[in-house]
Amino acid sequence: MRQLPRRTLIGLVQWYRTWISPMRPPTCRFMPTCSEYAVEALSRHGALRGVYLSTIRLLKCGPWHRGGWDPVPQ
């Protein structure tokens, strides 16, 4: 039961990657991509911390940040 929120959120990210992302041009300036980062953060840290880390990562997305390698913290 504790894994339900995490699995639901990962499912939402995977839904986005399947249905929304292919309709958009590739613009992510990070490695791993933001959606890959979100899935890894949720898998590794659970729903609460995973959402927090993913939100911080999405806030970095824009022309003011140079991007590059930005792995999920241990």
N, C-alpha and C. Protein backbone atom coordinates (compact mmCIF):
# COMPACT_ATOMS: atom_id res chain seq x y z
N MET A 1 0.82 -1.20 0.00
CA MET A 1 0.00 0.00 0.00
C MET A 1 0.86 1.27 0.00
N ARG A 2 2.04 1.20 0.64
CA ARG A 2 2.92 2.37 0.69
C ARG A 2 3.49 2.71 -0.68
N GLN A 3 3.52 1.74 -1.58
CA GLN A 3 4.10 1.97 -2.90
C GLN A 3 3.08 2.53 -3.89
N LEU A 4 1.82 2.57 -3.53
CA LEU A 4 0.79 3.03 -4.45
C LEU A 4 1.02 4.46 -4.94
N PRO A 5 1.31 5.43 -4.06
CA PRO A 5 1.55 6.79 -4.57
C PRO A 5 2.74 6.85 -5.54
N ARG A 6 3.81 6.15 -5.20
CA ARG A 6 5.00 6.15 -6.05
C ARG A 6 4.68 5.53 -7.40
N ARG A 7 4.01 4.40 -7.40
CA ARG A 7 3.66 3.73 -8.66
C ARG A 7 2.71 4.57 -9.50
N THR A 8 1.78 5.24 -8.85
CA THR A 8 0.84 6.11 -9.56
C THR A 8 1.58 7.26 -10.24
N LEU A 9 2.50 7.88 -9.52
CA LEU A 9 3.26 8.99 -10.08
C LEU A 9 4.16 8.53 -11.23
N ILE A 10 4.81 7.39 -11.07
CA ILE A 10 5.63 6.85 -12.15
C ILE A 10 4.76 6.55 -13.36
N GLY A 11 3.56 6.02 -13.13
CA GLY A 11 2.63 5.77 -14.23
C GLY A 11 2.25 7.05 -14.96
N LEU A 12 2.06 8.14 -14.22
CA LEU A 12 1.74 9.42 -14.85
C LEU A 12 2.89 9.93 -15.70
N VAL A 13 4.11 9.78 -15.22
CA VAL A 13 5.29 10.19 -16.00
C VAL A 13 5.40 9.33 -17.25
N GLN A 14 5.18 8.04 -17.11
CA GLN A 14 5.26 7.15 -18.27
C GLN A 14 4.15 7.46 -19.27
N TRP A 15 2.97 7.82 -18.79
CA TRP A 15 1.88 8.23 -19.68
C TRP A 15 2.30 9.47 -20.47
N TYR A 16 2.89 10.44 -19.78
CA TYR A 16 3.38 11.65 -20.43
C TYR A 16 4.42 11.30 -21.51
N ARG A 17 5.34 10.41 -21.17
CA ARG A 17 6.40 10.04 -22.12
C ARG A 17 5.83 9.32 -23.34
N THR A 18 4.74 8.59 -23.17
CA THR A 18 4.15 7.84 -24.28
C THR A 18 3.25 8.71 -25.15
N TRP A 19 2.45 9.58 -24.56
CA TRP A 19 1.41 10.29 -25.30
C TRP A 19 1.68 11.77 -25.56
N ILE A 20 2.36 12.45 -24.68
CA ILE A 20 2.57 13.89 -24.85
C ILE A 20 3.94 14.20 -25.43
N SER A 21 4.97 13.63 -24.86
CA SER A 21 6.34 13.92 -25.27
C SER A 21 6.61 13.71 -26.76
N PRO A 22 6.10 12.64 -27.39
CA PRO A 22 6.37 12.46 -28.82
C PRO A 22 5.80 13.57 -29.72
N MET A 23 4.84 14.32 -29.23
CA MET A 23 4.25 15.40 -30.02
C MET A 23 5.03 16.70 -29.90
N ARG A 24 6.01 16.72 -29.02
CA ARG A 24 6.79 17.93 -28.79
C ARG A 24 8.21 17.74 -29.31
N PRO A 25 8.85 18.81 -29.75
CA PRO A 25 10.25 18.66 -30.17
C PRO A 25 11.13 18.41 -28.95
N PRO A 26 12.23 17.67 -29.12
CA PRO A 26 13.13 17.42 -27.99
C PRO A 26 13.80 18.73 -27.54
N THR A 27 13.58 19.11 -26.30
CA THR A 27 14.12 20.37 -25.80
C THR A 27 14.87 20.23 -24.48
N CYS A 28 14.89 19.04 -23.91
CA CYS A 28 15.52 18.88 -22.59
C CYS A 28 17.03 19.12 -22.71
N ARG A 29 17.55 19.98 -21.86
CA ARG A 29 18.97 20.31 -21.89
C ARG A 29 19.77 19.52 -20.86
N PHE A 30 19.12 18.56 -20.23
CA PHE A 30 19.77 17.77 -19.18
C PHE A 30 19.94 16.32 -19.59
N MET A 31 20.89 15.67 -18.95
CA MET A 31 21.06 14.22 -19.01
C MET A 31 21.08 13.74 -17.58
N PRO A 32 20.28 12.80 -17.18
CA PRO A 32 19.18 12.20 -17.92
C PRO A 32 18.07 13.22 -18.16
N THR A 33 17.17 12.89 -19.09
CA THR A 33 16.07 13.82 -19.37
C THR A 33 15.23 14.01 -18.11
N CYS A 34 14.42 15.04 -18.10
CA CYS A 34 13.62 15.34 -16.91
C CYS A 34 12.66 14.21 -16.56
N SER A 35 12.07 13.57 -17.56
CA SER A 35 11.15 12.47 -17.26
C SER A 35 11.91 11.25 -16.75
N GLU A 36 13.10 10.97 -17.31
CA GLU A 36 13.92 9.87 -16.79
C GLU A 36 14.34 10.17 -15.35
N TYR A 37 14.70 11.42 -15.09
CA TYR A 37 15.09 11.86 -13.76
C TYR A 37 13.94 11.65 -12.78
N ALA A 38 12.73 12.03 -13.18
CA ALA A 38 11.57 11.89 -12.30
C ALA A 38 11.30 10.44 -11.95
N VAL A 39 11.35 9.55 -12.95
CA VAL A 39 11.12 8.12 -12.68
C VAL A 39 12.19 7.59 -11.74
N GLU A 40 13.44 7.95 -11.97
CA GLU A 40 14.52 7.46 -11.10
C GLU A 40 14.39 8.04 -9.69
N ALA A 41 14.07 9.32 -9.57
CA ALA A 41 13.91 9.94 -8.26
C ALA A 41 12.76 9.30 -7.49
N LEU A 42 11.64 9.06 -8.16
CA LEU A 42 10.50 8.42 -7.50
C LEU A 42 10.83 6.98 -7.10
N SER A 43 11.51 6.26 -7.97
CA SER A 43 11.86 4.86 -7.68
C SER A 43 12.84 4.78 -6.51
N ARG A 44 13.80 5.67 -6.50
CA ARG A 44 14.86 5.61 -5.50
C ARG A 44 14.45 6.20 -4.15
N HIS A 45 13.69 7.30 -4.18
CA HIS A 45 13.43 8.05 -2.95
C HIS A 45 11.97 8.04 -2.49
N GLY A 46 11.06 7.46 -3.26
CA GLY A 46 9.66 7.44 -2.87
C GLY A 46 8.93 8.68 -3.37
N ALA A 47 7.63 8.72 -3.08
CA ALA A 47 6.76 9.75 -3.65
C ALA A 47 7.11 11.16 -3.17
N LEU A 48 7.24 11.35 -1.87
CA LEU A 48 7.42 12.70 -1.35
C LEU A 48 8.73 13.34 -1.80
N ARG A 49 9.83 12.67 -1.51
CA ARG A 49 11.14 13.22 -1.90
C ARG A 49 11.31 13.19 -3.42
N GLY A 50 10.76 12.18 -4.09
CA GLY A 50 10.84 12.10 -5.55
C GLY A 50 10.15 13.27 -6.22
N VAL A 51 8.98 13.64 -5.74
CA VAL A 51 8.27 14.80 -6.29
C VAL A 51 9.06 16.08 -6.00
N TYR A 52 9.61 16.19 -4.81
CA TYR A 52 10.42 17.36 -4.46
C TYR A 52 11.61 17.50 -5.40
N LEU A 53 12.38 16.42 -5.57
CA LEU A 53 13.55 16.45 -6.45
C LEU A 53 13.17 16.74 -7.90
N SER A 54 12.09 16.15 -8.35
CA SER A 54 11.63 16.36 -9.73
C SER A 54 11.19 17.80 -9.95
N THR A 55 10.54 18.39 -8.95
CA THR A 55 10.11 19.78 -9.05
C THR A 55 11.30 20.71 -9.13
N ILE A 56 12.30 20.48 -8.28
CA ILE A 56 13.52 21.29 -8.32
C ILE A 56 14.16 21.20 -9.70
N ARG A 57 14.22 19.98 -10.23
CA ARG A 57 14.80 19.78 -11.56
C ARG A 57 14.02 20.53 -12.63
N LEU A 58 12.70 20.46 -12.60
CA LEU A 58 11.88 21.17 -13.60
C LEU A 58 12.03 22.69 -13.48
N LEU A 59 12.24 23.18 -12.27
CA LEU A 59 12.44 24.62 -12.10
C LEU A 59 13.77 25.09 -12.70
N LYS A 60 14.72 24.18 -12.86
CA LYS A 60 16.00 24.52 -13.49
C LYS A 60 15.87 24.61 -15.01
N CYS A 61 14.78 24.10 -15.54
CA CYS A 61 14.62 24.02 -16.99
C CYS A 61 14.32 25.39 -17.57
N GLY A 62 15.20 25.88 -18.37
CA GLY A 62 15.00 27.18 -19.01
C GLY A 62 16.32 27.72 -19.53
N PRO A 63 16.27 28.81 -20.23
CA PRO A 63 17.49 29.35 -20.85
C PRO A 63 18.50 29.89 -19.84
N TRP A 64 18.10 30.11 -18.59
CA TRP A 64 19.00 30.64 -17.57
C TRP A 64 19.90 29.56 -16.96
N HIS A 65 19.67 28.31 -17.29
CA HIS A 65 20.50 27.21 -16.77
C HIS A 65 21.14 26.49 -17.94
N ARG A 66 22.44 26.19 -17.82
CA ARG A 66 23.15 25.60 -18.96
C ARG A 66 22.86 24.13 -19.18
N GLY A 67 22.24 23.46 -18.21
CA GLY A 67 21.91 22.04 -18.37
C GLY A 67 23.13 21.16 -18.16
N GLY A 68 23.16 20.01 -18.85
CA GLY A 68 24.28 19.08 -18.71
C GLY A 68 23.92 17.89 -17.85
N TRP A 69 24.94 17.23 -17.31
CA TRP A 69 24.77 16.05 -16.49
C TRP A 69 24.26 16.46 -15.12
N ASP A 70 23.12 15.92 -14.72
CA ASP A 70 22.49 16.25 -13.43
C ASP A 70 21.81 14.99 -12.90
N PRO A 71 22.58 14.09 -12.29
CA PRO A 71 22.00 12.82 -11.83
C PRO A 71 21.15 13.00 -10.57
N VAL A 72 20.32 12.01 -10.31
CA VAL A 72 19.51 11.97 -9.09
C VAL A 72 20.47 11.75 -7.91
N PRO A 73 20.37 12.57 -6.85
CA PRO A 73 21.26 12.37 -5.71
C PRO A 73 20.99 11.04 -4.99
N GLN A 74 22.03 10.54 -4.36
CA GLN A 74 21.90 9.31 -3.59
C GLN A 74 21.09 9.59 -2.39
